[in-house]
Amino acid sequence: GEKMKVRVVGQAGGVLGFSVAGVHGRAVTTAEEADKALSEALANKENGIVLVTQDVAQLVKARVEDLKLHSTVPLVVEIPGPAGVPEGEPSLSELVLKAIGIKL
């Protein structure tokens, strides 16, 4: 079948990190931009997973919480921001692997 695409919506630093791994994304700084980027990502039927960094998820918290509960395709997954992962938490690549079964 068609390979599902992964998109990331986050701050520039986080998006940049993913582009190195071949995952395209949209860098956002405001709630409005985050909302728009989410809508675009969700509207694209090629997308299998939409990763949202924590800092951006905070901007549109209610929507992200709702999407995490109800989204099927694409699946919305919240991930730590580029500021890093709290001590003792799984790394970003581990989280992505757990979320989508793809090793980055």
N, C-alpha and C. Protein backbone atom coordinates (compact mmCIF):
# COMPACT_ATOMS: atom_id res chain seq x y z
N GLY A 1 0.80 -1.21 0.00
CA GLY A 1 0.00 0.00 0.00
C GLY A 1 0.83 1.26 0.00
N GLU A 2 0.14 2.36 -0.06
CA GLU A 2 0.78 3.67 -0.07
C GLU A 2 1.42 3.92 1.29
N LYS A 3 2.64 4.43 1.28
CA LYS A 3 3.33 4.71 2.54
C LYS A 3 2.71 5.95 3.18
N MET A 4 2.32 5.80 4.43
CA MET A 4 1.74 6.91 5.15
C MET A 4 2.80 7.96 5.46
N LYS A 5 2.45 9.20 5.28
CA LYS A 5 3.38 10.27 5.58
C LYS A 5 3.23 10.71 7.03
N VAL A 6 4.35 11.19 7.57
CA VAL A 6 4.35 11.76 8.91
C VAL A 6 4.60 13.25 8.76
N ARG A 7 3.79 14.06 9.42
CA ARG A 7 3.98 15.51 9.42
C ARG A 7 4.23 15.94 10.85
N VAL A 8 4.96 17.03 11.00
CA VAL A 8 5.16 17.56 12.34
C VAL A 8 4.76 19.03 12.36
N VAL A 9 4.07 19.40 13.43
CA VAL A 9 3.70 20.80 13.66
C VAL A 9 4.39 21.20 14.95
N GLY A 10 5.27 22.20 14.87
CA GLY A 10 6.02 22.56 16.07
C GLY A 10 6.76 23.86 15.91
N GLN A 11 7.56 24.20 16.91
CA GLN A 11 8.43 25.37 16.81
C GLN A 11 9.51 25.06 15.78
N ALA A 12 10.10 26.11 15.23
CA ALA A 12 11.09 25.94 14.16
C ALA A 12 12.18 24.92 14.50
N GLY A 13 12.70 24.96 15.73
CA GLY A 13 13.76 24.04 16.13
C GLY A 13 13.35 22.59 16.03
N GLY A 14 12.14 22.30 16.46
CA GLY A 14 11.64 20.94 16.41
C GLY A 14 11.41 20.47 14.99
N VAL A 15 10.86 21.36 14.18
CA VAL A 15 10.57 21.02 12.79
C VAL A 15 11.87 20.76 12.04
N LEU A 16 12.88 21.58 12.33
CA LEU A 16 14.19 21.43 11.70
C LEU A 16 14.80 20.06 12.03
N GLY A 17 14.70 19.66 13.29
CA GLY A 17 15.23 18.37 13.70
C GLY A 17 14.59 17.23 12.94
N PHE A 18 13.30 17.35 12.68
CA PHE A 18 12.59 16.29 11.96
C PHE A 18 12.93 16.28 10.49
N SER A 19 13.15 17.47 9.91
CA SER A 19 13.42 17.52 8.47
C SER A 19 14.70 16.75 8.15
N VAL A 20 15.63 16.74 9.11
CA VAL A 20 16.87 15.97 8.96
C VAL A 20 16.54 14.48 8.83
N ALA A 21 15.49 14.06 9.52
CA ALA A 21 15.08 12.65 9.47
C ALA A 21 14.11 12.39 8.31
N GLY A 22 13.90 13.41 7.49
CA GLY A 22 13.03 13.24 6.33
C GLY A 22 11.55 13.41 6.62
N VAL A 23 11.24 13.97 7.80
CA VAL A 23 9.85 14.21 8.15
C VAL A 23 9.56 15.70 7.95
N HIS A 24 8.61 16.00 7.10
CA HIS A 24 8.31 17.40 6.81
C HIS A 24 7.34 17.97 7.82
N GLY A 25 7.42 19.27 7.99
CA GLY A 25 6.54 19.88 8.97
C GLY A 25 6.31 21.34 8.72
N ARG A 26 5.56 21.92 9.62
CA ARG A 26 5.22 23.33 9.55
C ARG A 26 5.65 23.96 10.87
N ALA A 27 6.50 24.97 10.75
CA ALA A 27 6.93 25.70 11.95
C ALA A 27 5.88 26.75 12.29
N VAL A 28 5.42 26.75 13.53
CA VAL A 28 4.41 27.72 13.95
C VAL A 28 4.83 28.39 15.25
N THR A 29 4.31 29.59 15.46
CA THR A 29 4.65 30.30 16.70
C THR A 29 3.40 30.77 17.45
N THR A 30 2.26 30.85 16.76
CA THR A 30 1.05 31.34 17.41
C THR A 30 -0.05 30.28 17.39
N ALA A 31 -1.05 30.48 18.21
CA ALA A 31 -2.19 29.56 18.25
C ALA A 31 -2.88 29.52 16.90
N GLU A 32 -2.98 30.68 16.26
CA GLU A 32 -3.64 30.77 14.96
C GLU A 32 -2.90 29.94 13.92
N GLU A 33 -1.56 30.07 13.91
CA GLU A 33 -0.74 29.30 12.97
C GLU A 33 -0.84 27.80 13.27
N ALA A 34 -0.84 27.48 14.55
CA ALA A 34 -0.92 26.07 14.95
C ALA A 34 -2.24 25.46 14.48
N ASP A 35 -3.30 26.22 14.66
CA ASP A 35 -4.64 25.79 14.25
C ASP A 35 -4.68 25.54 12.74
N LYS A 36 -4.14 26.46 11.98
CA LYS A 36 -4.12 26.38 10.52
C LYS A 36 -3.28 25.19 10.07
N ALA A 37 -2.11 25.03 10.68
CA ALA A 37 -1.21 23.93 10.31
C ALA A 37 -1.86 22.58 10.61
N LEU A 38 -2.56 22.51 11.73
CA LEU A 38 -3.27 21.28 12.09
C LEU A 38 -4.36 20.97 11.07
N SER A 39 -5.13 21.99 10.72
CA SER A 39 -6.21 21.82 9.76
C SER A 39 -5.67 21.31 8.42
N GLU A 40 -4.56 21.91 7.98
CA GLU A 40 -3.95 21.50 6.72
C GLU A 40 -3.45 20.07 6.79
N ALA A 41 -2.78 19.75 7.89
CA ALA A 41 -2.23 18.40 8.06
C ALA A 41 -3.34 17.35 8.09
N LEU A 42 -4.44 17.69 8.76
CA LEU A 42 -5.56 16.75 8.89
C LEU A 42 -6.32 16.60 7.58
N ALA A 43 -6.31 17.65 6.77
CA ALA A 43 -7.05 17.62 5.51
C ALA A 43 -6.33 16.79 4.45
N ASN A 44 -5.01 16.63 4.62
CA ASN A 44 -4.23 15.90 3.65
C ASN A 44 -4.33 14.40 3.90
N LYS A 45 -4.99 13.70 2.97
CA LYS A 45 -5.27 12.28 3.15
C LYS A 45 -4.02 11.40 3.08
N GLU A 46 -2.91 11.98 2.61
CA GLU A 46 -1.67 11.19 2.54
C GLU A 46 -1.03 11.05 3.92
N ASN A 47 -1.40 11.97 4.82
CA ASN A 47 -0.78 11.95 6.14
C ASN A 47 -1.33 10.82 6.99
N GLY A 48 -0.43 10.06 7.59
CA GLY A 48 -0.84 8.99 8.48
C GLY A 48 -0.74 9.41 9.94
N ILE A 49 0.26 10.25 10.21
CA ILE A 49 0.53 10.69 11.58
C ILE A 49 0.83 12.18 11.56
N VAL A 50 0.27 12.89 12.52
CA VAL A 50 0.62 14.29 12.70
C VAL A 50 1.21 14.41 14.10
N LEU A 51 2.49 14.77 14.16
CA LEU A 51 3.16 14.95 15.44
C LEU A 51 3.06 16.43 15.82
N VAL A 52 2.68 16.68 17.06
CA VAL A 52 2.58 18.07 17.53
C VAL A 52 3.50 18.22 18.73
N THR A 53 4.44 19.15 18.66
CA THR A 53 5.34 19.32 19.81
C THR A 53 4.57 19.95 20.96
N GLN A 54 5.01 19.61 22.16
CA GLN A 54 4.31 20.01 23.38
C GLN A 54 4.09 21.51 23.48
N ASP A 55 5.12 22.27 23.13
CA ASP A 55 5.00 23.74 23.24
C ASP A 55 3.88 24.27 22.35
N VAL A 56 3.76 23.69 21.15
CA VAL A 56 2.69 24.11 20.25
C VAL A 56 1.34 23.55 20.69
N ALA A 57 1.36 22.32 21.20
CA ALA A 57 0.12 21.73 21.70
C ALA A 57 -0.49 22.59 22.80
N GLN A 58 0.37 23.24 23.60
CA GLN A 58 -0.12 24.12 24.66
C GLN A 58 -0.91 25.29 24.09
N LEU A 59 -0.55 25.74 22.89
CA LEU A 59 -1.22 26.89 22.27
C LEU A 59 -2.64 26.55 21.87
N VAL A 60 -2.86 25.31 21.48
CA VAL A 60 -4.19 24.89 21.02
C VAL A 60 -4.59 23.63 21.79
N LYS A 61 -4.44 23.73 23.10
CA LYS A 61 -4.57 22.57 23.99
C LYS A 61 -5.88 21.80 23.83
N ALA A 62 -6.99 22.53 23.84
CA ALA A 62 -8.30 21.86 23.75
C ALA A 62 -8.42 21.06 22.45
N ARG A 63 -7.96 21.67 21.37
CA ARG A 63 -8.06 20.99 20.08
C ARG A 63 -7.17 19.75 20.03
N VAL A 64 -5.95 19.89 20.51
CA VAL A 64 -5.02 18.75 20.49
C VAL A 64 -5.54 17.62 21.38
N GLU A 65 -6.05 17.97 22.56
CA GLU A 65 -6.61 16.93 23.44
C GLU A 65 -7.74 16.19 22.74
N ASP A 66 -8.59 16.95 22.08
CA ASP A 66 -9.72 16.37 21.36
C ASP A 66 -9.23 15.46 20.23
N LEU A 67 -8.24 15.94 19.48
CA LEU A 67 -7.71 15.16 18.37
C LEU A 67 -7.02 13.89 18.86
N LYS A 68 -6.32 14.00 19.98
CA LYS A 68 -5.63 12.82 20.51
C LYS A 68 -6.64 11.73 20.86
N LEU A 69 -7.80 12.16 21.32
CA LEU A 69 -8.84 11.20 21.70
C LEU A 69 -9.59 10.65 20.49
N HIS A 70 -9.82 11.49 19.49
CA HIS A 70 -10.74 11.11 18.42
C HIS A 70 -10.16 10.93 17.03
N SER A 71 -8.93 11.41 16.81
CA SER A 71 -8.40 11.30 15.46
C SER A 71 -8.06 9.85 15.13
N THR A 72 -8.34 9.45 13.91
CA THR A 72 -8.01 8.11 13.47
C THR A 72 -6.95 8.21 12.37
N VAL A 73 -7.29 8.81 11.26
CA VAL A 73 -6.31 9.09 10.21
C VAL A 73 -6.47 10.53 9.76
N PRO A 74 -5.44 11.34 9.87
CA PRO A 74 -4.17 11.00 10.52
C PRO A 74 -4.31 10.96 12.04
N LEU A 75 -3.45 10.20 12.62
CA LEU A 75 -3.41 10.08 14.08
C LEU A 75 -2.60 11.25 14.62
N VAL A 76 -3.13 11.92 15.62
CA VAL A 76 -2.42 13.06 16.20
C VAL A 76 -1.69 12.60 17.47
N VAL A 77 -0.40 12.87 17.51
CA VAL A 77 0.43 12.44 18.63
C VAL A 77 1.20 13.64 19.16
N GLU A 78 1.14 13.83 20.47
CA GLU A 78 1.88 14.93 21.08
C GLU A 78 3.26 14.42 21.47
N ILE A 79 4.28 15.21 21.16
CA ILE A 79 5.66 14.82 21.46
C ILE A 79 6.36 15.96 22.19
N PRO A 80 7.44 15.67 22.91
CA PRO A 80 8.17 16.74 23.60
C PRO A 80 8.73 17.75 22.62
N GLY A 81 8.83 18.99 23.04
CA GLY A 81 9.39 20.02 22.18
C GLY A 81 10.90 19.91 22.10
N PRO A 82 11.51 20.75 21.26
CA PRO A 82 12.97 20.71 21.07
C PRO A 82 13.74 21.05 22.33
N ALA A 83 13.07 21.66 23.30
CA ALA A 83 13.73 22.00 24.56
C ALA A 83 14.21 20.71 25.23
N GLY A 84 13.75 19.58 24.68
CA GLY A 84 14.24 18.33 25.22
C GLY A 84 13.19 17.65 26.04
N VAL A 85 13.58 16.51 26.51
CA VAL A 85 12.67 15.62 27.19
C VAL A 85 13.00 15.64 28.67
N PRO A 86 11.98 15.71 29.54
CA PRO A 86 12.25 15.68 30.97
C PRO A 86 13.07 14.44 31.35
N GLU A 87 13.91 14.60 32.35
CA GLU A 87 14.75 13.51 32.83
C GLU A 87 13.92 12.26 33.09
N GLY A 88 14.38 11.13 32.58
CA GLY A 88 13.68 9.88 32.85
C GLY A 88 12.55 9.58 31.87
N GLU A 89 12.27 10.53 30.99
CA GLU A 89 11.24 10.31 29.97
C GLU A 89 11.89 9.67 28.75
N PRO A 90 11.10 8.95 27.94
CA PRO A 90 11.70 8.37 26.73
C PRO A 90 12.15 9.45 25.77
N SER A 91 13.15 9.15 24.97
CA SER A 91 13.66 10.13 24.00
C SER A 91 12.64 10.33 22.88
N LEU A 92 12.87 11.36 22.10
CA LEU A 92 11.98 11.68 21.00
C LEU A 92 11.85 10.52 20.04
N SER A 93 12.97 9.93 19.63
CA SER A 93 12.90 8.83 18.66
C SER A 93 12.17 7.63 19.25
N GLU A 94 12.34 7.39 20.55
CA GLU A 94 11.60 6.30 21.20
C GLU A 94 10.10 6.57 21.18
N LEU A 95 9.75 7.82 21.44
CA LEU A 95 8.34 8.20 21.44
C LEU A 95 7.71 8.03 20.07
N VAL A 96 8.45 8.48 19.05
CA VAL A 96 7.96 8.37 17.69
C VAL A 96 7.81 6.90 17.33
N LEU A 97 8.81 6.11 17.70
CA LEU A 97 8.77 4.68 17.42
C LEU A 97 7.54 4.06 18.08
N LYS A 98 7.31 4.44 19.33
CA LYS A 98 6.15 3.89 20.06
C LYS A 98 4.85 4.35 19.43
N ALA A 99 4.84 5.62 18.99
CA ALA A 99 3.62 6.20 18.45
C ALA A 99 3.29 5.65 17.07
N ILE A 100 4.30 5.45 16.24
CA ILE A 100 4.01 5.10 14.85
C ILE A 100 4.70 3.85 14.36
N GLY A 101 5.56 3.27 15.20
CA GLY A 101 6.23 2.05 14.79
C GLY A 101 7.29 2.28 13.73
N ILE A 102 7.79 3.50 13.65
CA ILE A 102 8.85 3.81 12.70
C ILE A 102 10.07 4.25 13.49
N LYS A 103 11.22 3.66 13.17
CA LYS A 103 12.43 4.07 13.88
C LYS A 103 13.07 5.21 13.09
N LEU A 104 13.28 6.34 13.76
CA LEU A 104 13.89 7.49 13.09
C LEU A 104 15.41 7.41 13.26
